[in-house]
Amino acid sequence: MLREHGITTVVNCAVNLDFNLVPEDGPARDLSGGAAEGGAVTFGQGALRYYKIGLVDGHGNPATMMLAGYYILRSALVQELPPDRPSYPHRSKGNVLLNCRGGRSRSVSLGALFLHRAMPEKYPTLDAAIRHVQQKRELRPDEWFEAPKPVLVEAARQASKWIDMIGHDAPQMRAAQPADAEQ
């Protein structure tokens, strides 16, 4: 289903949701480096790029986690991987799936923060971006006061202020170009 929608990258906002993307028919290994068997934790290369932020759905997150989530999401869209490294198998650009457990609070807050900062001409305020995501997610208007949760909206507001201080599109946030591309 992800491939049908051109999704090559997943950004998981939830602390309470995990996915094992290592294919069962691939070279899965356990943490000691041996072949994985019988409930061992596996690692290896999954079918797509995967980032996990680990936000709590409510109180308990430092606001810096929302800021980190913004930069993880932004980097997932601009990062270029070296073409000559076989250990980096997922170089293709595609769509990004931003998710949390219910798709109503954590991912809505982070997605709205990203839209507001990346497209300020279309979403001049965080509230405008939140309304857009609420509508696209088809959240009922009578739920909007609680979806996303106000504490997560406040974390997004604080992160937006920090982005102003850090710089939204600072040179270090752009994809690095090979040295010979500048010549």
C-alpha atoms as a PDB file:
ATOM      1  CA  MET A   1       0.000   0.000   0.000  1.00  0.00           C
ATOM      2  CA  LEU A   2       2.836   2.424   0.791  1.00  0.00           C
ATOM      3  CA  ARG A   3       4.417   1.833  -2.618  1.00  0.00           C
ATOM      4  CA  GLU A   4       1.064   2.452  -4.322  1.00  0.00           C
ATOM      5  CA  HIS A   5       1.167   5.968  -2.870  1.00  0.00           C
ATOM      6  CA  GLY A   6       4.832   6.565  -3.697  1.00  0.00           C
ATOM      7  CA  ILE A   7       5.862   6.570  -0.029  1.00  0.00           C
ATOM      8  CA  THR A   8       9.587   6.015   0.425  1.00  0.00           C
ATOM      9  CA  THR A   9       9.964   7.442   3.939  1.00  0.00           C
ATOM     10  CA  VAL A  10       8.001   7.095   7.202  1.00  0.00           C
ATOM     11  CA  VAL A  11       8.249   9.558  10.111  1.00  0.00           C
ATOM     12  CA  ASN A  12       6.581   8.005  13.162  1.00  0.00           C
ATOM     13  CA  CYS A  13       5.672  10.563  15.858  1.00  0.00           C
ATOM     14  CA  ALA A  14       4.403   8.053  18.447  1.00  0.00           C
ATOM     15  CA  VAL A  15       6.271   6.690  21.443  1.00  0.00           C
ATOM     16  CA  ASN A  16       3.707   3.866  21.719  1.00  0.00           C
ATOM     17  CA  LEU A  17       3.774   2.524  18.158  1.00  0.00           C
ATOM     18  CA  ASP A  18       6.578   0.532  16.549  1.00  0.00           C
ATOM     19  CA  PHE A  19       6.973  -1.210  13.211  1.00  0.00           C
ATOM     20  CA  ASN A  20       9.396  -3.957  12.276  1.00  0.00           C
ATOM     21  CA  LEU A  21      10.211  -3.130   8.678  1.00  0.00           C
ATOM     22  CA  VAL A  22      12.920  -5.766   8.271  1.00  0.00           C
ATOM     23  CA  PRO A  23      11.571  -8.247   5.739  1.00  0.00           C
ATOM     24  CA  GLU A  24      11.196 -11.818   6.940  1.00  0.00           C
ATOM     25  CA  ASP A  25      12.772 -13.162   3.766  1.00  0.00           C
ATOM     26  CA  GLY A  26      15.790 -10.818   4.026  1.00  0.00           C
ATOM     27  CA  PRO A  27      19.004 -11.057   6.011  1.00  0.00           C
ATOM     28  CA  ALA A  28      17.622 -10.279   9.489  1.00  0.00           C
ATOM     29  CA  ARG A  29      20.130 -10.422  12.326  1.00  0.00           C
ATOM     30  CA  ASP A  30      19.774 -10.243  16.072  1.00  0.00           C
ATOM     31  CA  LEU A  31      21.595  -7.715  18.224  1.00  0.00           C
ATOM     32  CA  SER A  32      24.604 -10.014  18.661  1.00  0.00           C
ATOM     33  CA  GLY A  33      25.056 -10.156  14.870  1.00  0.00           C
ATOM     34  CA  GLY A  34      23.866 -13.737  14.483  1.00  0.00           C
ATOM     35  CA  ALA A  35      20.821 -14.961  12.602  1.00  0.00           C
ATOM     36  CA  ALA A  36      17.595 -13.812  14.261  1.00  0.00           C
ATOM     37  CA  GLU A  37      15.376 -16.543  15.629  1.00  0.00           C
ATOM     38  CA  GLY A  38      12.656 -17.163  18.200  1.00  0.00           C
ATOM     39  CA  GLY A  39      11.544 -13.682  19.290  1.00  0.00           C
ATOM     40  CA  ALA A  40      14.963 -12.028  19.033  1.00  0.00           C
ATOM     41  CA  VAL A  41      15.023  -8.326  18.226  1.00  0.00           C
ATOM     42  CA  THR A  42      15.949  -8.049  14.572  1.00  0.00           C
ATOM     43  CA  PHE A  43      17.660  -5.350  12.619  1.00  0.00           C
ATOM     44  CA  GLY A  44      18.628  -4.920   9.016  1.00  0.00           C
ATOM     45  CA  GLN A  45      17.469  -2.938   6.014  1.00  0.00           C
ATOM     46  CA  GLY A  46      13.750  -2.392   5.674  1.00  0.00           C
ATOM     47  CA  ALA A  47      11.821  -1.574   2.533  1.00  0.00           C
ATOM     48  CA  LEU A  48      11.911   2.191   3.166  1.00  0.00           C
ATOM     49  CA  ARG A  49      13.558   4.894   5.249  1.00  0.00           C
ATOM     50  CA  TYR A  50      12.151   5.159   8.768  1.00  0.00           C
ATOM     51  CA  TYR A  51      12.472   7.811  11.466  1.00  0.00           C
ATOM     52  CA  LYS A  52      10.930   7.702  14.934  1.00  0.00           C
ATOM     53  CA  ILE A  53      10.395  10.776  17.098  1.00  0.00           C
ATOM     54  CA  GLY A  54       8.626   9.214  20.112  1.00  0.00           C
ATOM     55  CA  LEU A  55       6.176  11.896  21.258  1.00  0.00           C
ATOM     56  CA  VAL A  56       3.767  11.184  24.112  1.00  0.00           C
ATOM     57  CA  ASP A  57       0.121  11.903  23.223  1.00  0.00           C
ATOM     58  CA  GLY A  58      -0.350  14.658  25.778  1.00  0.00           C
ATOM     59  CA  HIS A  59       1.759  16.087  28.617  1.00  0.00           C
ATOM     60  CA  GLY A  60       5.276  14.787  29.105  1.00  0.00           C
ATOM     61  CA  ASN A  61       7.152  15.935  26.001  1.00  0.00           C
ATOM     62  CA  PRO A  62       9.830  18.553  26.173  1.00  0.00           C
ATOM     63  CA  ALA A  63       8.951  21.143  23.499  1.00  0.00           C
ATOM     64  CA  THR A  64      12.371  20.465  21.991  1.00  0.00           C
ATOM     65  CA  MET A  65      11.020  17.105  20.764  1.00  0.00           C
ATOM     66  CA  MET A  66       8.589  18.956  18.474  1.00  0.00           C
ATOM     67  CA  LEU A  67      11.509  21.060  17.231  1.00  0.00           C
ATOM     68  CA  ALA A  68      13.541  17.900  16.624  1.00  0.00           C
ATOM     69  CA  GLY A  69      10.565  16.360  14.833  1.00  0.00           C
ATOM     70  CA  TYR A  70      10.360  19.389  12.528  1.00  0.00           C
ATOM     71  CA  TYR A  71      14.019  19.091  11.560  1.00  0.00           C
ATOM     72  CA  ILE A  72      13.767  15.306  11.133  1.00  0.00           C
ATOM     73  CA  LEU A  73      10.796  15.770   8.797  1.00  0.00           C
ATOM     74  CA  ARG A  74      12.550  18.556   6.892  1.00  0.00           C
ATOM     75  CA  SER A  75      15.740  16.519   6.578  1.00  0.00           C
ATOM     76  CA  ALA A  76      13.796  13.478   5.367  1.00  0.00           C
ATOM     77  CA  LEU A  77      12.749  15.613   2.397  1.00  0.00           C
ATOM     78  CA  VAL A  78      16.126  17.168   1.507  1.00  0.00           C
ATOM     79  CA  GLN A  79      18.781  14.649   2.568  1.00  0.00           C
ATOM     80  CA  GLU A  80      20.933  13.252  -0.235  1.00  0.00           C
ATOM     81  CA  LEU A  81      22.663   9.902   0.294  1.00  0.00           C
ATOM     82  CA  PRO A  82      25.986   9.057  -1.322  1.00  0.00           C
ATOM     83  CA  PRO A  83      25.452   6.978  -4.473  1.00  0.00           C
ATOM     84  CA  ASP A  84      28.442   4.712  -3.870  1.00  0.00           C
ATOM     85  CA  ARG A  85      27.460   3.329  -0.447  1.00  0.00           C
ATOM     86  CA  PRO A  86      25.659  -0.037  -0.691  1.00  0.00           C
ATOM     87  CA  SER A  87      24.792   0.198   3.004  1.00  0.00           C
ATOM     88  CA  TYR A  88      22.441   3.136   2.119  1.00  0.00           C
ATOM     89  CA  PRO A  89      19.908   1.330  -0.081  1.00  0.00           C
ATOM     90  CA  HIS A  90      17.069   3.878  -0.070  1.00  0.00           C
ATOM     91  CA  ARG A  91      18.140   6.822  -2.180  1.00  0.00           C
ATOM     92  CA  SER A  92      14.973   7.417  -4.155  1.00  0.00           C
ATOM     93  CA  LYS A  93      12.877  10.452  -3.330  1.00  0.00           C
ATOM     94  CA  GLY A  94       9.177   9.976  -2.846  1.00  0.00           C
ATOM     95  CA  ASN A  95       6.347  10.851  -0.523  1.00  0.00           C
ATOM     96  CA  VAL A  96       6.668  10.920   3.257  1.00  0.00           C
ATOM     97  CA  LEU A  97       4.116   9.297   5.551  1.00  0.00           C
ATOM     98  CA  LEU A  98       3.851  11.202   8.821  1.00  0.00           C
ATOM     99  CA  ASN A  99       1.998   9.123  11.397  1.00  0.00           C
ATOM    100  CA  CYS A 100       1.183   8.637  15.045  1.00  0.00           C
ATOM    101  CA  ARG A 101      -1.103   6.086  16.652  1.00  0.00           C
ATOM    102  CA  GLY A 102      -4.459   7.734  15.853  1.00  0.00           C
ATOM    103  CA  GLY A 103      -3.485  10.478  13.398  1.00  0.00           C
ATOM    104  CA  ARG A 104      -5.326  13.118  15.409  1.00  0.00           C
ATOM    105  CA  SER A 105      -2.802  14.926  17.600  1.00  0.00           C
ATOM    106  CA  ARG A 106       0.955  14.295  17.391  1.00  0.00           C
ATOM    107  CA  SER A 107       1.216  13.954  13.619  1.00  0.00           C
ATOM    108  CA  VAL A 108      -1.367  16.729  13.085  1.00  0.00           C
ATOM    109  CA  SER A 109       0.673  19.135  15.254  1.00  0.00           C
ATOM    110  CA  LEU A 110       3.987  18.305  13.599  1.00  0.00           C
ATOM    111  CA  GLY A 111       2.504  18.282  10.094  1.00  0.00           C
ATOM    112  CA  ALA A 112       0.913  21.676  10.685  1.00  0.00           C
ATOM    113  CA  LEU A 113       4.175  23.084  12.054  1.00  0.00           C
ATOM    114  CA  PHE A 114       5.973  21.869   8.947  1.00  0.00           C
ATOM    115  CA  LEU A 115       3.365  23.314   6.558  1.00  0.00           C
ATOM    116  CA  HIS A 116       3.368  26.668   8.353  1.00  0.00           C
ATOM    117  CA  ARG A 117       7.153  26.958   8.271  1.00  0.00           C
ATOM    118  CA  ALA A 118       7.698  25.525   4.774  1.00  0.00           C
ATOM    119  CA  MET A 119       4.817  27.386   3.080  1.00  0.00           C
ATOM    120  CA  PRO A 120       4.146  30.596   5.017  1.00  0.00           C
ATOM    121  CA  GLU A 121       2.496  32.225   1.996  1.00  0.00           C
ATOM    122  CA  LYS A 122      -0.190  29.506   2.038  1.00  0.00           C
ATOM    123  CA  TYR A 123      -0.285  28.925   5.830  1.00  0.00           C
ATOM    124  CA  PRO A 124       0.699  32.266   7.398  1.00  0.00           C
ATOM    125  CA  THR A 125      -0.142  31.063  10.919  1.00  0.00           C
ATOM    126  CA  LEU A 126       0.186  27.780  12.713  1.00  0.00           C
ATOM    127  CA  ASP A 127      -3.574  27.886  13.313  1.00  0.00           C
ATOM    128  CA  ALA A 128      -4.222  28.108   9.551  1.00  0.00           C
ATOM    129  CA  ALA A 129      -2.015  25.075   8.970  1.00  0.00           C
ATOM    130  CA  ILE A 130      -3.736  23.158  11.791  1.00  0.00           C
ATOM    131  CA  ARG A 131      -7.168  23.899  10.263  1.00  0.00           C
ATOM    132  CA  HIS A 132      -5.942  22.629   6.897  1.00  0.00           C
ATOM    133  CA  VAL A 133      -4.654  19.363   8.378  1.00  0.00           C
ATOM    134  CA  GLN A 134      -7.808  18.903  10.458  1.00  0.00           C
ATOM    135  CA  GLN A 135      -9.907  19.259   7.301  1.00  0.00           C
ATOM    136  CA  LYS A 136      -7.719  16.936   5.217  1.00  0.00           C
ATOM    137  CA  ARG A 137      -7.746  14.361   8.031  1.00  0.00           C
ATOM    138  CA  GLU A 138     -11.546  14.770   8.131  1.00  0.00           C
ATOM    139  CA  LEU A 139     -11.554  15.418  11.854  1.00  0.00           C
ATOM    140  CA  ARG A 140     -14.996  16.537  13.009  1.00  0.00           C
ATOM    141  CA  PRO A 141     -15.175  20.297  13.731  1.00  0.00           C
ATOM    142  CA  ASP A 142     -16.712  19.593  17.154  1.00  0.00           C
ATOM    143  CA  GLU A 143     -13.411  17.803  18.043  1.00  0.00           C
ATOM    144  CA  TRP A 144     -11.103  20.591  16.880  1.00  0.00           C
ATOM    145  CA  PHE A 145     -10.720  22.042  20.379  1.00  0.00           C
ATOM    146  CA  GLU A 146      -9.019  18.786  21.460  1.00  0.00           C
ATOM    147  CA  ALA A 147      -7.576  17.353  18.242  1.00  0.00           C
ATOM    148  CA  PRO A 148      -4.748  18.107  18.245  1.00  0.00           C
ATOM    149  CA  LYS A 149      -4.278  18.316  21.971  1.00  0.00           C
ATOM    150  CA  PRO A 150      -3.567  21.883  23.148  1.00  0.00           C
ATOM    151  CA  VAL A 151      -0.304  20.877  24.851  1.00  0.00           C
ATOM    152  CA  LEU A 152       1.031  19.616  21.497  1.00  0.00           C
ATOM    153  CA  VAL A 153      -0.130  22.775  19.708  1.00  0.00           C
ATOM    154  CA  GLU A 154       1.721  24.809  22.342  1.00  0.00           C
ATOM    155  CA  ALA A 155       4.851  22.709  21.761  1.00  0.00           C
ATOM    156  CA  ALA A 156       4.533  23.436  18.022  1.00  0.00           C
ATOM    157  CA  ARG A 157       4.191  27.181  18.762  1.00  0.00           C
ATOM    158  CA  GLN A 158       7.333  27.084  20.896  1.00  0.00           C
ATOM    159  CA  ALA A 159       9.190  25.113  18.212  1.00  0.00           C
ATOM    160  CA  SER A 160       8.164  27.709  15.616  1.00  0.00           C
ATOM    161  CA  LYS A 161       9.706  30.464  17.758  1.00  0.00           C
ATOM    162  CA  TRP A 162      12.925  28.476  18.052  1.00  0.00           C
ATOM    163  CA  ILE A 163      12.976  27.917  14.286  1.00  0.00           C
ATOM    164  CA  ASP A 164      12.920  31.717  13.914  1.00  0.00           C
ATOM    165  CA  MET A 165      15.962  31.891  16.166  1.00  0.00           C
ATOM    166  CA  ILE A 166      17.821  29.007  14.495  1.00  0.00           C
ATOM    167  CA  GLY A 167      16.904  29.816  10.917  1.00  0.00           C
ATOM    168  CA  HIS A 168      14.373  27.913   8.847  1.00  0.00           C
ATOM    169  CA  ASP A 169      16.402  27.571   5.681  1.00  0.00           C
ATOM    170  CA  ALA A 170      19.907  28.085   6.948  1.00  0.00           C
ATOM    171  CA  PRO A 171      22.580  26.871   4.497  1.00  0.00           C
ATOM    172  CA  GLN A 172      23.231  23.802   6.639  1.00  0.00           C
ATOM    173  CA  MET A 173      19.563  22.765   6.157  1.00  0.00           C
ATOM    174  CA  ARG A 174      19.875  22.596   2.376  1.00  0.00           C
ATOM    175  CA  ALA A 175      20.997  19.369   0.768  1.00  0.00           C
ATOM    176  CA  ALA A 176      24.765  19.354   0.458  1.00  0.00           C
ATOM    177  CA  GLN A 177      25.996  19.535  -3.115  1.00  0.00           C
ATOM    178  CA  PRO A 178      28.996  17.549  -4.361  1.00  0.00           C
ATOM    179  CA  ALA A 179      32.142  19.687  -4.594  1.00  0.00           C
ATOM    180  CA  ASP A 180      32.362  19.389  -8.392  1.00  0.00           C
ATOM    181  CA  ALA A 181      28.733  20.529  -8.803  1.00  0.00           C
ATOM    182  CA  GLU A 182      29.777  24.030  -7.722  1.00  0.00           C
ATOM    183  CA  GLN A 183      32.462  24.345 -10.421  1.00  0.00           C
END
